[in-house]
Amino acid sequence: MNSLKLPENPVQRLGIIHSFPDWLIELWSEQIGETETEQLCEWFNQSPTIDLRINPLKSSIAQIETAFKSHNISTSRIPNLPQALRLNGSIGAIQNLPGYSEGWWTIQDSSAQLVTHLLAPQPGETIIDACAAPGGKTTHSAELMEDEGTIYACDKTASRLNKLKENADRLQMKSIKIHTGDSRHFPEFVNLADRVLLDAPCSGLGTLHRRADARWRHTPENIQTQSQLQSELLANAATFVKPGGVLVYATCTIHPLENETVIRSFLDSNPHWQIEPPTIDLPVQPSPEGWVKVWPHRHHMDGFFMVRLKQLKKN
């Protein structure tokens, strides 16, 4: 996918940059340079797109395309994401779209869909989603498992888990078991899971087009606090994995302190874990280290970070 073209008017370009705090501009410029930073800011100032994730247990992408076309709604597929369908133009109320009440699809950005494909849950497995609400990746796991097996969906906020249950019921999922509470306080999960997903709470700096106020709400200091929490959650979630099992760490931020720094620190402290690079074709190429970082202006989807970690079997 091509990068965005910047406005030719220098005043417009300056205005784009000034719609973000200086510390963010400096951070991004250090990582991707000034020109791409301007492109990233321009992307974040645009209205977000809406992506669907087709539920293959109830429908097919071709069926959904036909149904939406009959309602004069334009859609487009996203390469290497077999369940993803992007809606183009005005669509009206979500609940009035064809297939909503039947559980044919759910709303989920392409980047978030990538995370569960990286996890690659299989039928019959035990999965723990350590920070599950509102349940997009939980229900996606159930779809990929053909709703066979057990998924423990954990979150400390009961109201957000109610939304997860609503989504699971609409999609007619039976494999999901909800656990209310902080996942750090579930000792019964130790060595239980074939795969664990930690979609960690984060600053959301990859989704600033959806939460415009977040660019001014965050500071370098609270990013450091987030990083410490993420490291703690990761260390705890790792105890849930059976020997030889898999853990996927993901965030919807593009800040290195919440991503690369957390992973490097974890691996330094846990030599029996290693990064397992993706073995499937993805619309975003992994880094030489093996993690996947989605830059919105390059890939035209939410900013995300994800990495698949494997626990080595101990002799």
Protein backbone atom coordinates (compact mmCIF):
# COMPACT_ATOMS: atom_id res chain seq x y z
CA MET A 1 0.00 0.00 0.00
CA ASN A 2 1.23 3.48 -0.84
CA SER A 3 1.97 6.09 1.78
CA LEU A 4 -0.27 9.13 2.08
CA LYS A 5 0.50 12.22 0.03
CA LEU A 6 1.05 15.31 2.14
CA PRO A 7 -0.58 18.67 1.41
CA GLU A 8 1.65 20.86 -0.76
CA ASN A 9 0.76 23.99 1.22
CA PRO A 10 3.46 24.41 3.92
CA VAL A 11 1.00 26.17 6.24
CA GLN A 12 -1.32 23.17 6.07
CA ARG A 13 1.58 20.83 6.75
CA LEU A 14 2.65 22.91 9.75
CA GLY A 15 -0.92 22.79 11.07
CA ILE A 16 -0.94 19.00 10.87
CA ILE A 17 2.23 18.79 12.96
CA HIS A 18 0.95 21.30 15.52
CA SER A 19 -2.16 19.21 16.15
CA PHE A 20 0.04 16.85 18.16
CA PRO A 21 2.22 17.46 21.25
CA ASP A 22 5.90 18.11 20.63
CA TRP A 23 7.07 15.03 22.53
CA LEU A 24 5.07 12.75 20.22
CA ILE A 25 6.42 14.45 17.10
CA GLU A 26 9.96 14.03 18.40
CA LEU A 27 9.35 10.39 19.29
CA TRP A 28 7.99 9.49 15.86
CA SER A 29 10.62 11.52 14.02
CA GLU A 30 13.35 9.55 15.77
CA GLN A 31 11.77 6.29 14.57
CA ILE A 32 10.57 7.04 11.04
CA GLY A 33 11.91 10.49 10.07
CA GLU A 34 10.19 13.84 9.55
CA THR A 35 8.43 13.10 6.26
CA GLU A 36 6.79 9.91 7.49
CA THR A 37 5.90 11.60 10.77
CA GLU A 38 3.95 14.20 8.79
CA GLN A 39 2.24 11.38 6.89
CA LEU A 40 1.38 9.64 10.16
CA CYS A 41 -0.11 12.84 11.61
CA GLU A 42 -2.16 13.36 8.46
CA TRP A 43 -3.47 9.80 8.72
CA PHE A 44 -4.46 10.26 12.36
CA ASN A 45 -6.38 13.43 11.45
CA GLN A 46 -8.61 11.53 9.02
CA SER A 47 -11.90 9.85 9.88
CA PRO A 48 -11.45 6.16 10.75
CA THR A 49 -12.56 3.38 8.46
CA ILE A 50 -14.83 0.53 9.57
CA ASP A 51 -13.66 -3.04 9.08
CA LEU A 52 -15.73 -6.16 9.57
CA ARG A 53 -14.57 -9.60 10.58
CA ILE A 54 -16.69 -12.27 8.94
CA ASN A 55 -17.82 -15.13 11.17
CA PRO A 56 -17.02 -18.20 9.04
CA LEU A 57 -19.14 -20.41 11.30
CA LYS A 58 -22.25 -18.54 10.19
CA SER A 59 -21.46 -16.95 6.83
CA SER A 60 -18.82 -16.32 4.16
CA ILE A 61 -17.11 -13.23 2.85
CA ALA A 62 -18.80 -13.70 -0.55
CA GLN A 63 -22.23 -13.91 1.11
CA ILE A 64 -21.59 -10.72 3.05
CA GLU A 65 -20.35 -8.90 -0.05
CA THR A 66 -23.54 -9.84 -1.90
CA ALA A 67 -25.78 -8.82 0.99
CA PHE A 68 -24.10 -5.42 1.34
CA LYS A 69 -24.13 -4.81 -2.40
CA SER A 70 -27.90 -5.37 -2.40
CA HIS A 71 -28.09 -2.50 0.12
CA ASN A 72 -25.85 -0.30 -2.08
CA ILE A 73 -22.97 -0.50 0.41
CA SER A 74 -19.51 -0.71 -1.14
CA THR A 75 -16.95 -3.06 0.41
CA SER A 76 -13.36 -4.08 -0.29
CA ARG A 77 -11.27 -7.05 0.79
CA ILE A 78 -7.93 -6.74 2.60
CA PRO A 79 -5.05 -8.88 1.29
CA ASN A 80 -3.88 -11.75 3.52
CA LEU A 81 -6.76 -11.27 5.97
CA PRO A 82 -9.32 -13.87 4.91
CA GLN A 83 -12.09 -12.66 7.25
CA ALA A 84 -11.67 -8.91 6.75
CA LEU A 85 -14.01 -6.69 4.79
CA ARG A 86 -13.71 -2.88 4.75
CA LEU A 87 -16.82 -0.74 4.40
CA ASN A 88 -16.57 2.23 2.08
CA GLY A 89 -18.66 5.38 2.41
CA SER A 90 -21.74 6.03 4.54
CA ILE A 91 -23.38 2.97 6.11
CA GLY A 92 -25.97 4.20 8.63
CA ALA A 93 -26.70 2.41 11.90
CA ILE A 94 -24.52 -0.68 12.41
CA GLN A 95 -27.31 -2.80 13.88
CA ASN A 96 -29.40 -2.27 10.74
CA LEU A 97 -26.79 -3.71 8.39
CA PRO A 98 -27.49 -7.12 6.84
CA GLY A 99 -26.32 -10.06 8.92
CA TYR A 100 -25.80 -8.16 12.18
CA SER A 101 -28.53 -9.85 14.23
CA GLU A 102 -27.72 -13.22 12.66
CA GLY A 103 -24.12 -13.06 13.91
CA TRP A 104 -22.59 -13.15 10.43
CA TRP A 105 -19.93 -10.60 11.30
CA THR A 106 -18.58 -8.24 13.92
CA ILE A 107 -16.75 -4.92 13.75
CA GLN A 108 -13.00 -5.26 14.23
CA ASP A 109 -10.12 -3.33 12.70
CA SER A 110 -7.77 -5.25 10.44
CA SER A 111 -4.83 -4.81 12.80
CA ALA A 112 -6.74 -6.40 15.65
CA GLN A 113 -7.63 -9.33 13.39
CA LEU A 114 -3.92 -9.82 12.71
CA VAL A 115 -3.31 -10.45 16.40
CA THR A 116 -5.53 -13.52 16.61
CA HIS A 117 -4.16 -14.95 13.37
CA LEU A 118 -0.72 -14.66 14.97
CA LEU A 119 -2.01 -16.50 18.04
CA ALA A 120 -3.44 -19.19 15.69
CA PRO A 121 -5.69 -21.02 18.20
CA GLN A 122 -6.67 -24.56 17.20
CA PRO A 123 -9.84 -26.60 17.81
CA GLY A 124 -9.86 -28.36 21.18
CA GLU A 125 -7.22 -26.16 22.81
CA THR A 126 -7.37 -24.21 26.05
CA ILE A 127 -6.90 -20.48 25.49
CA ILE A 128 -6.61 -17.68 28.06
CA ASP A 129 -7.37 -14.13 26.95
CA ALA A 130 -5.90 -12.24 29.89
CA CYS A 131 -7.35 -8.77 29.11
CA ALA A 132 -10.30 -9.79 26.99
CA ALA A 133 -13.01 -7.11 27.02
CA PRO A 134 -14.77 -6.02 24.90
CA GLY A 135 -14.09 -9.38 23.28
CA GLY A 136 -13.09 -8.89 19.66
CA LYS A 137 -10.06 -11.16 19.89
CA THR A 138 -11.87 -13.58 22.20
CA THR A 139 -14.65 -14.20 19.70
CA HIS A 140 -12.13 -14.32 16.85
CA SER A 141 -10.30 -17.07 18.71
CA ALA A 142 -13.57 -18.98 19.02
CA GLU A 143 -14.11 -18.68 15.27
CA LEU A 144 -10.62 -19.93 14.45
CA MET A 145 -11.12 -22.83 16.89
CA GLU A 146 -14.45 -23.67 15.21
CA ASP A 147 -15.94 -23.00 18.67
CA GLU A 148 -14.38 -26.23 19.94
CA GLY A 149 -12.25 -26.03 23.09
CA THR A 150 -12.23 -23.57 25.99
CA ILE A 151 -11.45 -19.87 26.04
CA TYR A 152 -11.13 -18.18 29.43
CA ALA A 153 -11.96 -14.50 28.90
CA CYS A 154 -10.65 -12.36 31.77
CA ASP A 155 -11.14 -8.71 32.56
CA LYS A 156 -11.36 -6.74 35.78
CA THR A 157 -14.24 -4.55 34.55
CA ALA A 158 -17.59 -6.32 34.77
CA SER A 159 -19.41 -3.84 32.51
CA ARG A 160 -16.91 -4.43 29.71
CA LEU A 161 -17.31 -8.19 30.12
CA ASN A 162 -21.07 -7.72 29.72
CA LYS A 163 -20.30 -6.30 26.26
CA LEU A 164 -18.13 -9.36 25.56
CA LYS A 165 -21.00 -11.66 26.54
CA GLU A 166 -23.39 -9.75 24.27
CA ASN A 167 -20.97 -10.13 21.35
CA ALA A 168 -20.41 -13.82 22.06
CA ASP A 169 -24.17 -14.45 22.29
CA ARG A 170 -24.87 -12.61 19.02
CA LEU A 171 -22.13 -14.59 17.28
CA GLN A 172 -23.49 -17.76 18.95
CA MET A 173 -20.21 -18.79 20.63
CA LYS A 174 -20.28 -21.59 23.21
CA SER A 175 -16.57 -22.07 24.00
CA ILE A 176 -16.07 -18.81 25.96
CA LYS A 177 -15.99 -18.80 29.77
CA ILE A 178 -15.96 -15.37 31.42
CA HIS A 179 -13.80 -14.61 34.47
CA THR A 180 -14.24 -11.25 36.18
CA GLY A 181 -11.16 -9.92 37.96
CA ASP A 182 -7.51 -9.00 37.55
CA SER A 183 -5.73 -11.79 35.65
CA ARG A 184 -2.75 -11.37 37.99
CA HIS A 185 -4.91 -12.94 40.73
CA PHE A 186 -5.88 -16.20 39.02
CA PRO A 187 -3.40 -18.81 40.31
CA GLU A 188 -5.67 -21.57 39.00
CA PHE A 189 -4.54 -20.66 35.48
CA VAL A 190 -0.87 -21.55 36.03
CA ASN A 191 0.34 -24.03 33.35
CA LEU A 192 -3.23 -24.42 32.09
CA ALA A 193 -3.22 -22.95 28.58
CA ASP A 194 -1.96 -24.07 25.20
CA ARG A 195 -1.99 -20.42 24.13
CA VAL A 196 -2.34 -17.14 25.99
CA LEU A 197 -3.25 -13.75 24.55
CA LEU A 198 -2.20 -10.62 26.42
CA ASP A 199 -3.75 -7.66 24.62
CA ALA A 200 -2.28 -5.34 27.21
CA PRO A 201 -3.85 -2.08 28.39
CA CYS A 202 -1.89 0.70 26.72
CA SER A 203 -1.81 4.36 25.74
CA GLY A 204 -3.68 3.70 22.48
CA LEU A 205 -1.23 5.84 20.51
CA GLY A 206 -1.85 3.71 17.43
CA THR A 207 -5.53 4.65 17.36
CA LEU A 208 -5.43 8.43 17.71
CA HIS A 209 -7.86 8.82 14.79
CA ARG A 210 -10.47 7.07 16.96
CA ARG A 211 -9.55 8.79 20.25
CA ALA A 212 -8.31 12.23 19.27
CA ASP A 213 -8.12 13.47 22.86
CA ALA A 214 -5.58 10.78 23.77
CA ARG A 215 -2.80 12.69 22.03
CA TRP A 216 -3.07 15.42 24.69
CA ARG A 217 -4.03 13.20 27.62
CA HIS A 218 -0.83 11.15 27.67
CA THR A 219 2.61 12.25 28.83
CA PRO A 220 6.04 10.59 28.74
CA GLU A 221 5.63 9.98 32.48
CA ASN A 222 2.38 8.02 32.27
CA ILE A 223 3.74 6.06 29.30
CA GLN A 224 6.51 4.89 31.64
CA THR A 225 3.87 3.84 34.17
CA GLN A 226 1.99 1.93 31.46
CA SER A 227 5.20 0.14 30.49
CA GLN A 228 5.74 -1.04 34.05
CA LEU A 229 2.19 -2.41 34.25
CA GLN A 230 2.57 -4.15 30.89
CA SER A 231 5.79 -5.83 32.02
CA GLU A 232 4.07 -7.06 35.16
CA LEU A 233 1.08 -8.40 33.22
CA LEU A 234 3.36 -10.15 30.74
CA ALA A 235 5.43 -11.85 33.43
CA ASN A 236 2.25 -13.11 35.07
CA ALA A 237 0.52 -14.20 31.84
CA ALA A 238 3.60 -16.24 30.93
CA THR A 239 2.96 -18.48 33.96
CA PHE A 240 -0.36 -19.55 32.42
CA VAL A 241 1.33 -21.22 29.43
CA LYS A 242 2.04 -24.94 29.35
CA PRO A 243 5.65 -25.92 28.55
CA GLY A 244 6.00 -25.65 24.77
CA GLY A 245 3.01 -23.33 24.57
CA VAL A 246 2.57 -19.91 22.97
CA LEU A 247 1.91 -16.40 24.25
CA VAL A 248 1.04 -13.43 22.04
CA TYR A 249 1.69 -9.95 23.44
CA ALA A 250 -0.13 -7.13 21.67
CA THR A 251 -0.93 -3.43 22.09
CA CYS A 252 -2.67 -0.76 20.04
CA THR A 253 0.21 1.65 20.59
CA ILE A 254 3.33 2.39 18.57
CA HIS A 255 5.41 3.61 21.51
CA PRO A 256 8.62 1.54 21.95
CA LEU A 257 8.44 1.73 25.75
CA GLU A 258 5.17 -0.19 25.65
CA ASN A 259 6.31 -2.65 23.02
CA GLU A 260 9.90 -3.43 22.11
CA THR A 261 11.24 -2.42 25.54
CA VAL A 262 8.71 -4.65 27.34
CA ILE A 263 9.57 -7.64 25.15
CA ARG A 264 13.34 -7.23 25.37
CA SER A 265 13.15 -6.93 29.15
CA PHE A 266 10.95 -10.04 29.39
CA LEU A 267 13.29 -12.11 27.23
CA ASP A 268 16.33 -10.94 29.19
CA SER A 269 14.68 -12.16 32.39
CA ASN A 270 13.21 -15.37 30.92
CA PRO A 271 15.81 -17.29 28.88
CA HIS A 272 13.40 -20.22 28.39
CA TRP A 273 11.24 -18.03 26.16
CA GLN A 274 11.97 -16.89 22.61
CA ILE A 275 10.31 -14.97 19.80
CA GLU A 276 8.66 -17.20 17.22
CA PRO A 277 8.41 -15.25 13.92
CA PRO A 278 5.13 -15.51 12.00
CA THR A 279 4.82 -18.55 9.75
CA ILE A 280 1.79 -17.23 7.88
CA ASP A 281 1.53 -14.54 5.22
CA LEU A 282 0.54 -11.23 6.78
CA PRO A 283 -0.23 -7.86 5.19
CA VAL A 284 2.57 -6.43 7.36
CA GLN A 285 6.10 -7.83 7.20
CA PRO A 286 7.67 -8.76 10.54
CA SER A 287 10.80 -6.99 11.74
CA PRO A 288 14.19 -8.75 11.72
CA GLU A 289 13.59 -9.45 15.42
CA GLY A 290 10.35 -11.27 14.60
CA TRP A 291 7.69 -8.91 15.93
CA VAL A 292 5.05 -7.13 13.83
CA LYS A 293 4.63 -3.37 14.08
CA VAL A 294 1.82 -1.77 12.13
CA TRP A 295 2.40 1.86 11.13
CA PRO A 296 -1.01 3.29 10.13
CA HIS A 297 0.19 5.55 7.32
CA ARG A 298 2.07 2.65 5.71
CA HIS A 299 -0.50 -0.10 6.10
CA HIS A 300 -3.80 1.82 6.29
CA MET A 301 -5.00 0.19 9.48
CA ASP A 302 -4.78 0.96 13.18
CA GLY A 303 -1.33 1.22 14.71
CA PHE A 304 -0.50 -2.01 16.51
CA PHE A 305 2.36 -4.05 17.91
CA MET A 306 2.27 -7.83 18.26
CA VAL A 307 4.77 -10.58 18.93
CA ARG A 308 4.46 -14.34 19.32
CA LEU A 309 6.49 -15.83 22.15
CA LYS A 310 7.12 -19.54 22.64
CA GLN A 311 8.06 -21.26 25.88
CA LEU A 312 10.78 -23.80 25.36
CA LYS A 313 10.20 -27.23 26.84
CA LYS A 314 12.46 -27.75 29.82
CA ASN A 315 14.66 -30.84 29.92
